[in-house]
Amino acid sequence: MKTDPKDFILANTDLMRPPHVPEVQLHLASEAHDLWLKTEDELQEIGLPPPFWAFAWAGGQGLARYVFDHPDLVAGKRVLDFATGSGLVAIAAMKAGAAHVLAADIDPWVEMAVSLNAEANGVELAFMRENLVGQSVEADVILAGDVFYDRDFAAALVPWFKRLSDQGKLVIVGDPGRSYCPKESLVALATYEVPVTRALEDGEVKRTTVWRFA
């Protein structure tokens, strides 16, 4: 890293409450921050991968909303928030009564973003920066928000999620209609109209479905 993650995050975000999950506050970037305007080359110059952690994506908001609305899903259980990003879903799980939450993401900047966001919400999260796809996990519930945006990534995730589900683990995903969402393998649990930023999506509201792997 060519710059300090903590200093950069604090300088380029504000504490905000995602519109669909006001119970949580996160260090997020808005159009008012220079982070929105930086090109890919400028991000590389400061050693910053695409800052997915700086935004509350629709899939994560929908999944976090479902966790808050159905706390029995995670209460007293071990939870893995896969590809955690900002940590929104992981924080929601802890606030809903999970016994332990592991937030996992391969982005080296995410650990600091999750740490700052957990602190802002008064919760403690474990963090792992490792590619868990295909591995066994010590969790009762696996949560994943907005992970079916890429063909190859989805192709790797689907058999892994199916295997975890076959092992008796609860695998719940939030998806705002991404192209590679494997609906044939899923059971719909809830649908939300999630406010989003037009600069990130193709509209101001994304219909987001929470699914369970069958």
C-alpha atoms as a PDB file:
ATOM      1  CA  MET A   1       0.000   0.000   0.000  1.00  0.00           C
ATOM      2  CA  LYS A   2       1.325   3.430  -0.944  1.00  0.00           C
ATOM      3  CA  THR A   3      -0.863   5.334   1.479  1.00  0.00           C
ATOM      4  CA  ASP A   4      -2.235   4.669   4.949  1.00  0.00           C
ATOM      5  CA  PRO A   5      -5.669   3.030   4.689  1.00  0.00           C
ATOM      6  CA  LYS A   6      -7.018   4.494   7.920  1.00  0.00           C
ATOM      7  CA  ASP A   7      -6.019   8.051   7.074  1.00  0.00           C
ATOM      8  CA  PHE A   8      -7.327   7.712   3.520  1.00  0.00           C
ATOM      9  CA  ILE A   9     -10.687   6.249   4.560  1.00  0.00           C
ATOM     10  CA  LEU A  10     -11.277   8.890   7.210  1.00  0.00           C
ATOM     11  CA  ALA A  11     -10.332  11.666   4.777  1.00  0.00           C
ATOM     12  CA  ASN A  12     -12.428  10.412   1.860  1.00  0.00           C
ATOM     13  CA  THR A  13     -15.638   9.200   3.514  1.00  0.00           C
ATOM     14  CA  ASP A  14     -18.280  10.338   5.978  1.00  0.00           C
ATOM     15  CA  LEU A  15     -20.265   8.345   8.502  1.00  0.00           C
ATOM     16  CA  MET A  16     -23.606   7.767   6.798  1.00  0.00           C
ATOM     17  CA  ARG A  17     -26.615   5.521   7.291  1.00  0.00           C
ATOM     18  CA  PRO A  18     -27.575   3.439   4.228  1.00  0.00           C
ATOM     19  CA  PRO A  19     -31.148   4.381   3.315  1.00  0.00           C
ATOM     20  CA  HIS A  20     -32.513   0.831   3.552  1.00  0.00           C
ATOM     21  CA  VAL A  21     -30.609  -0.043   6.739  1.00  0.00           C
ATOM     22  CA  PRO A  22     -30.635   3.044   8.988  1.00  0.00           C
ATOM     23  CA  GLU A  23     -29.712   0.901  12.011  1.00  0.00           C
ATOM     24  CA  VAL A  24     -26.118   0.885  10.747  1.00  0.00           C
ATOM     25  CA  GLN A  25     -23.680   3.710  10.093  1.00  0.00           C
ATOM     26  CA  LEU A  26     -20.753   3.258   7.732  1.00  0.00           C
ATOM     27  CA  HIS A  27     -17.795   5.215   6.436  1.00  0.00           C
ATOM     28  CA  LEU A  28     -19.052   5.751   2.874  1.00  0.00           C
ATOM     29  CA  ALA A  29     -18.093   7.924  -0.073  1.00  0.00           C
ATOM     30  CA  SER A  30     -20.644  10.158  -1.755  1.00  0.00           C
ATOM     31  CA  GLU A  31     -20.551  12.405  -4.800  1.00  0.00           C
ATOM     32  CA  ALA A  32     -19.157  15.079  -2.481  1.00  0.00           C
ATOM     33  CA  HIS A  33     -15.903  13.131  -2.060  1.00  0.00           C
ATOM     34  CA  ASP A  34     -12.932  13.123  -4.420  1.00  0.00           C
ATOM     35  CA  LEU A  35     -12.961   9.323  -4.237  1.00  0.00           C
ATOM     36  CA  TRP A  36     -15.905   9.309  -6.676  1.00  0.00           C
ATOM     37  CA  LEU A  37     -13.886  11.211  -9.257  1.00  0.00           C
ATOM     38  CA  LYS A  38     -10.635   9.271  -9.196  1.00  0.00           C
ATOM     39  CA  THR A  39      -9.790   7.304 -12.339  1.00  0.00           C
ATOM     40  CA  GLU A  40      -8.480   3.754 -12.302  1.00  0.00           C
ATOM     41  CA  ASP A  41      -4.964   5.091 -12.961  1.00  0.00           C
ATOM     42  CA  GLU A  42      -5.223   7.498 -10.033  1.00  0.00           C
ATOM     43  CA  LEU A  43      -6.386   4.684  -7.767  1.00  0.00           C
ATOM     44  CA  GLN A  44      -3.450   2.538  -8.847  1.00  0.00           C
ATOM     45  CA  GLU A  45      -1.095   5.423  -8.149  1.00  0.00           C
ATOM     46  CA  ILE A  46      -2.106   5.452  -4.484  1.00  0.00           C
ATOM     47  CA  GLY A  47      -2.200   1.656  -4.314  1.00  0.00           C
ATOM     48  CA  LEU A  48      -5.979   1.424  -3.995  1.00  0.00           C
ATOM     49  CA  PRO A  49      -8.006  -1.364  -5.664  1.00  0.00           C
ATOM     50  CA  PRO A  50     -11.535  -0.395  -6.781  1.00  0.00           C
ATOM     51  CA  PRO A  51     -13.052   0.806  -3.471  1.00  0.00           C
ATOM     52  CA  PHE A  52     -16.136  -1.397  -3.326  1.00  0.00           C
ATOM     53  CA  TRP A  53     -15.970  -1.045   0.474  1.00  0.00           C
ATOM     54  CA  ALA A  54     -16.838   2.655   0.179  1.00  0.00           C
ATOM     55  CA  PHE A  55     -20.400   2.067  -1.037  1.00  0.00           C
ATOM     56  CA  ALA A  56     -23.514   0.377   0.357  1.00  0.00           C
ATOM     57  CA  TRP A  57     -24.483  -1.826  -2.595  1.00  0.00           C
ATOM     58  CA  ALA A  58     -28.097  -2.820  -3.105  1.00  0.00           C
ATOM     59  CA  GLY A  59     -27.506  -6.542  -2.558  1.00  0.00           C
ATOM     60  CA  GLY A  60     -25.850  -5.917   0.777  1.00  0.00           C
ATOM     61  CA  GLN A  61     -28.526  -3.466   1.884  1.00  0.00           C
ATOM     62  CA  GLY A  62     -31.280  -5.934   1.051  1.00  0.00           C
ATOM     63  CA  LEU A  63     -29.512  -8.784   2.830  1.00  0.00           C
ATOM     64  CA  ALA A  64     -28.776  -6.664   5.908  1.00  0.00           C
ATOM     65  CA  ARG A  65     -32.418  -5.559   5.994  1.00  0.00           C
ATOM     66  CA  TYR A  66     -33.524  -9.198   5.929  1.00  0.00           C
ATOM     67  CA  VAL A  67     -31.157 -10.052   8.788  1.00  0.00           C
ATOM     68  CA  PHE A  68     -32.567  -7.240  10.913  1.00  0.00           C
ATOM     69  CA  ASP A  69     -36.141  -8.236  10.052  1.00  0.00           C
ATOM     70  CA  HIS A  70     -35.462 -11.927  10.821  1.00  0.00           C
ATOM     71  CA  PRO A  71     -32.930 -11.978  13.679  1.00  0.00           C
ATOM     72  CA  ASP A  72     -33.652 -15.663  14.360  1.00  0.00           C
ATOM     73  CA  LEU A  73     -31.689 -16.327  11.159  1.00  0.00           C
ATOM     74  CA  VAL A  74     -28.419 -15.546  12.960  1.00  0.00           C
ATOM     75  CA  ALA A  75     -29.190 -15.294  16.685  1.00  0.00           C
ATOM     76  CA  GLY A  76     -26.717 -17.364  18.699  1.00  0.00           C
ATOM     77  CA  LYS A  77     -25.056 -18.716  15.532  1.00  0.00           C
ATOM     78  CA  ARG A  78     -21.660 -18.556  13.868  1.00  0.00           C
ATOM     79  CA  VAL A  79     -21.885 -16.402  10.761  1.00  0.00           C
ATOM     80  CA  LEU A  80     -19.606 -15.876   7.771  1.00  0.00           C
ATOM     81  CA  ASP A  81     -20.123 -12.680   5.771  1.00  0.00           C
ATOM     82  CA  PHE A  82     -18.418 -13.579   2.502  1.00  0.00           C
ATOM     83  CA  ALA A  83     -16.990 -10.744   0.341  1.00  0.00           C
ATOM     84  CA  THR A  84     -17.935  -8.386   3.137  1.00  0.00           C
ATOM     85  CA  GLY A  85     -16.930  -5.079   1.534  1.00  0.00           C
ATOM     86  CA  SER A  86     -17.968  -2.350   3.953  1.00  0.00           C
ATOM     87  CA  GLY A  87     -18.943  -4.943   6.555  1.00  0.00           C
ATOM     88  CA  LEU A  88     -22.591  -3.882   6.428  1.00  0.00           C
ATOM     89  CA  VAL A  89     -24.035  -7.404   6.504  1.00  0.00           C
ATOM     90  CA  ALA A  90     -21.557  -8.587   9.135  1.00  0.00           C
ATOM     91  CA  ILE A  91     -22.458  -5.655  11.383  1.00  0.00           C
ATOM     92  CA  ALA A  92     -26.168  -6.348  10.887  1.00  0.00           C
ATOM     93  CA  ALA A  93     -25.609  -9.978  11.909  1.00  0.00           C
ATOM     94  CA  MET A  94     -23.823  -8.970  15.115  1.00  0.00           C
ATOM     95  CA  LYS A  95     -26.494  -6.418  15.969  1.00  0.00           C
ATOM     96  CA  ALA A  96     -29.136  -9.111  15.351  1.00  0.00           C
ATOM     97  CA  GLY A  97     -27.557 -11.380  17.977  1.00  0.00           C
ATOM     98  CA  ALA A  98     -25.067 -13.634  16.196  1.00  0.00           C
ATOM     99  CA  ALA A  99     -22.656 -15.409  18.531  1.00  0.00           C
ATOM    100  CA  HIS A 100     -19.675 -14.803  16.250  1.00  0.00           C
ATOM    101  CA  VAL A 101     -19.254 -13.137  12.860  1.00  0.00           C
ATOM    102  CA  LEU A 102     -16.309 -13.590  10.513  1.00  0.00           C
ATOM    103  CA  ALA A 103     -16.075 -10.935   7.803  1.00  0.00           C
ATOM    104  CA  ALA A 104     -14.018 -12.194   4.854  1.00  0.00           C
ATOM    105  CA  ASP A 105     -12.680 -10.303   1.836  1.00  0.00           C
ATOM    106  CA  ILE A 106      -9.526 -10.477  -0.282  1.00  0.00           C
ATOM    107  CA  ASP A 107      -9.243  -6.686  -0.727  1.00  0.00           C
ATOM    108  CA  PRO A 108      -6.339  -5.504   1.472  1.00  0.00           C
ATOM    109  CA  TRP A 109      -8.153  -2.229   2.215  1.00  0.00           C
ATOM    110  CA  VAL A 110     -11.291  -3.893   3.504  1.00  0.00           C
ATOM    111  CA  GLU A 111      -9.860  -4.924   6.857  1.00  0.00           C
ATOM    112  CA  MET A 112      -9.418  -1.288   7.909  1.00  0.00           C
ATOM    113  CA  ALA A 113     -12.801  -0.258   6.473  1.00  0.00           C
ATOM    114  CA  VAL A 114     -14.517  -3.070   8.389  1.00  0.00           C
ATOM    115  CA  SER A 115     -12.596  -2.230  11.562  1.00  0.00           C
ATOM    116  CA  LEU A 116     -13.642   1.432  11.413  1.00  0.00           C
ATOM    117  CA  ASN A 117     -17.246   0.538  10.608  1.00  0.00           C
ATOM    118  CA  ALA A 118     -17.456  -2.057  13.382  1.00  0.00           C
ATOM    119  CA  GLU A 119     -16.098   0.493  15.853  1.00  0.00           C
ATOM    120  CA  ALA A 120     -18.647   3.077  14.689  1.00  0.00           C
ATOM    121  CA  ASN A 121     -21.426   0.581  15.450  1.00  0.00           C
ATOM    122  CA  GLY A 122     -20.072  -0.725  18.743  1.00  0.00           C
ATOM    123  CA  VAL A 123     -19.630  -4.329  17.591  1.00  0.00           C
ATOM    124  CA  GLU A 124     -16.671  -6.703  17.356  1.00  0.00           C
ATOM    125  CA  LEU A 125     -16.021  -8.663  14.175  1.00  0.00           C
ATOM    126  CA  ALA A 126     -13.377 -11.187  13.236  1.00  0.00           C
ATOM    127  CA  PHE A 127     -11.751 -10.601   9.858  1.00  0.00           C
ATOM    128  CA  MET A 128      -9.999 -12.861   7.354  1.00  0.00           C
ATOM    129  CA  ARG A 129      -8.251 -11.782   4.140  1.00  0.00           C
ATOM    130  CA  GLU A 130      -8.202 -15.090   2.337  1.00  0.00           C
ATOM    131  CA  ASN A 131      -9.897 -16.578  -0.695  1.00  0.00           C
ATOM    132  CA  LEU A 132     -12.339 -18.972   0.948  1.00  0.00           C
ATOM    133  CA  VAL A 133     -14.025 -20.170  -2.238  1.00  0.00           C
ATOM    134  CA  GLY A 134     -14.095 -23.960  -2.260  1.00  0.00           C
ATOM    135  CA  GLN A 135     -12.932 -24.296   1.332  1.00  0.00           C
ATOM    136  CA  SER A 136     -14.721 -25.708   4.355  1.00  0.00           C
ATOM    137  CA  VAL A 137     -15.917 -23.017   6.752  1.00  0.00           C
ATOM    138  CA  GLU A 138     -16.715 -23.104  10.446  1.00  0.00           C
ATOM    139  CA  ALA A 139     -20.041 -21.296  10.257  1.00  0.00           C
ATOM    140  CA  ASP A 140     -23.702 -22.120  10.629  1.00  0.00           C
ATOM    141  CA  VAL A 141     -24.840 -19.346   8.310  1.00  0.00           C
ATOM    142  CA  ILE A 142     -23.115 -17.950   5.218  1.00  0.00           C
ATOM    143  CA  LEU A 143     -24.248 -14.521   4.041  1.00  0.00           C
ATOM    144  CA  ALA A 144     -23.193 -12.952   0.730  1.00  0.00           C
ATOM    145  CA  GLY A 145     -24.407  -9.645  -0.654  1.00  0.00           C
ATOM    146  CA  ASP A 146     -24.164  -8.808  -4.363  1.00  0.00           C
ATOM    147  CA  VAL A 147     -21.629 -11.429  -5.453  1.00  0.00           C
ATOM    148  CA  PHE A 148     -23.015 -12.522  -8.848  1.00  0.00           C
ATOM    149  CA  TYR A 149     -21.762  -9.583 -10.902  1.00  0.00           C
ATOM    150  CA  ASP A 150     -19.035 -11.508 -12.765  1.00  0.00           C
ATOM    151  CA  ARG A 151     -19.411 -14.682 -14.865  1.00  0.00           C
ATOM    152  CA  ASP A 152     -16.243 -16.431 -13.703  1.00  0.00           C
ATOM    153  CA  PHE A 153     -16.710 -15.480 -10.052  1.00  0.00           C
ATOM    154  CA  ALA A 154     -20.294 -16.730 -10.098  1.00  0.00           C
ATOM    155  CA  ALA A 155     -19.207 -19.983 -11.753  1.00  0.00           C
ATOM    156  CA  ALA A 156     -16.830 -20.592  -8.848  1.00  0.00           C
ATOM    157  CA  LEU A 157     -19.281 -19.544  -6.147  1.00  0.00           C
ATOM    158  CA  VAL A 158     -22.334 -21.566  -7.156  1.00  0.00           C
ATOM    159  CA  PRO A 159     -20.910 -25.098  -6.630  1.00  0.00           C
ATOM    160  CA  TRP A 160     -19.257 -23.976  -3.394  1.00  0.00           C
ATOM    161  CA  PHE A 161     -22.463 -22.493  -2.037  1.00  0.00           C
ATOM    162  CA  LYS A 162     -24.376 -25.607  -3.090  1.00  0.00           C
ATOM    163  CA  ARG A 163     -21.883 -27.837  -1.291  1.00  0.00           C
ATOM    164  CA  LEU A 164     -22.104 -25.742   1.881  1.00  0.00           C
ATOM    165  CA  SER A 165     -25.894 -25.920   1.689  1.00  0.00           C
ATOM    166  CA  ASP A 166     -25.743 -29.703   1.229  1.00  0.00           C
ATOM    167  CA  GLN A 167     -23.656 -29.837   4.425  1.00  0.00           C
ATOM    168  CA  GLY A 168     -26.580 -28.360   6.320  1.00  0.00           C
ATOM    169  CA  LYS A 169     -25.343 -24.781   6.422  1.00  0.00           C
ATOM    170  CA  LEU A 170     -27.741 -21.937   5.677  1.00  0.00           C
ATOM    171  CA  VAL A 171     -26.532 -19.983   2.637  1.00  0.00           C
ATOM    172  CA  ILE A 172     -28.348 -16.682   2.103  1.00  0.00           C
ATOM    173  CA  VAL A 173     -27.535 -14.188  -0.659  1.00  0.00           C
ATOM    174  CA  GLY A 174     -28.804 -10.738  -1.562  1.00  0.00           C
ATOM    175  CA  ASP A 175     -28.932  -9.918  -5.262  1.00  0.00           C
ATOM    176  CA  PRO A 176     -30.262  -6.863  -7.147  1.00  0.00           C
ATOM    177  CA  GLY A 177     -30.820  -8.660 -10.441  1.00  0.00           C
ATOM    178  CA  ARG A 178     -27.223  -9.283 -11.496  1.00  0.00           C
ATOM    179  CA  SER A 179     -26.782 -11.208 -14.743  1.00  0.00           C
ATOM    180  CA  TYR A 180     -25.167 -14.292 -13.227  1.00  0.00           C
ATOM    181  CA  CYS A 181     -27.470 -14.895 -10.278  1.00  0.00           C
ATOM    182  CA  PRO A 182     -28.284 -18.657 -10.350  1.00  0.00           C
ATOM    183  CA  LYS A 183     -32.012 -18.363  -9.729  1.00  0.00           C
ATOM    184  CA  GLU A 184     -32.574 -22.008 -10.634  1.00  0.00           C
ATOM    185  CA  SER A 185     -30.647 -22.988  -7.498  1.00  0.00           C
ATOM    186  CA  LEU A 186     -32.373 -20.527  -5.175  1.00  0.00           C
ATOM    187  CA  VAL A 187     -35.539 -20.035  -3.148  1.00  0.00           C
ATOM    188  CA  ALA A 188     -36.747 -16.445  -2.803  1.00  0.00           C
ATOM    189  CA  LEU A 189     -37.223 -15.241   0.783  1.00  0.00           C
ATOM    190  CA  ALA A 190     -37.995 -11.539   0.376  1.00  0.00           C
ATOM    191  CA  THR A 191     -37.871  -8.702  -2.130  1.00  0.00           C
ATOM    192  CA  TYR A 192     -37.082  -5.070  -1.358  1.00  0.00           C
ATOM    193  CA  GLU A 193     -37.017  -1.820  -3.291  1.00  0.00           C
ATOM    194  CA  VAL A 194     -33.614  -0.447  -2.276  1.00  0.00           C
ATOM    195  CA  PRO A 195     -32.682   3.206  -2.873  1.00  0.00           C
ATOM    196  CA  VAL A 196     -29.320   3.501  -4.613  1.00  0.00           C
ATOM    197  CA  THR A 197     -27.186   6.139  -6.282  1.00  0.00           C
ATOM    198  CA  ARG A 198     -27.673   6.493 -10.030  1.00  0.00           C
ATOM    199  CA  ALA A 199     -23.921   6.938 -10.434  1.00  0.00           C
ATOM    200  CA  LEU A 200     -23.456   3.353  -9.201  1.00  0.00           C
ATOM    201  CA  GLU A 201     -26.463   1.659 -10.751  1.00  0.00           C
ATOM    202  CA  ASP A 202     -28.818   2.093 -13.700  1.00  0.00           C
ATOM    203  CA  GLY A 203     -31.525   3.762 -11.637  1.00  0.00           C
ATOM    204  CA  GLU A 204     -32.368   5.268  -8.272  1.00  0.00           C
ATOM    205  CA  VAL A 205     -34.047   2.121  -6.915  1.00  0.00           C
ATOM    206  CA  LYS A 206     -32.943  -1.486  -7.340  1.00  0.00           C
ATOM    207  CA  ARG A 207     -35.332  -4.370  -6.767  1.00  0.00           C
ATOM    208  CA  THR A 208     -33.274  -6.655  -4.563  1.00  0.00           C
ATOM    209  CA  THR A 209     -34.153 -10.230  -3.694  1.00  0.00           C
ATOM    210  CA  VAL A 210     -32.883 -12.220  -0.745  1.00  0.00           C
ATOM    211  CA  TRP A 211     -32.435 -15.851  -1.697  1.00  0.00           C
ATOM    212  CA  ARG A 212     -31.642 -19.108   0.069  1.00  0.00           C
ATOM    213  CA  PHE A 213     -29.631 -21.814  -1.662  1.00  0.00           C
ATOM    214  CA  ALA A 214     -31.913 -24.825  -1.937  1.00  0.00           C
END
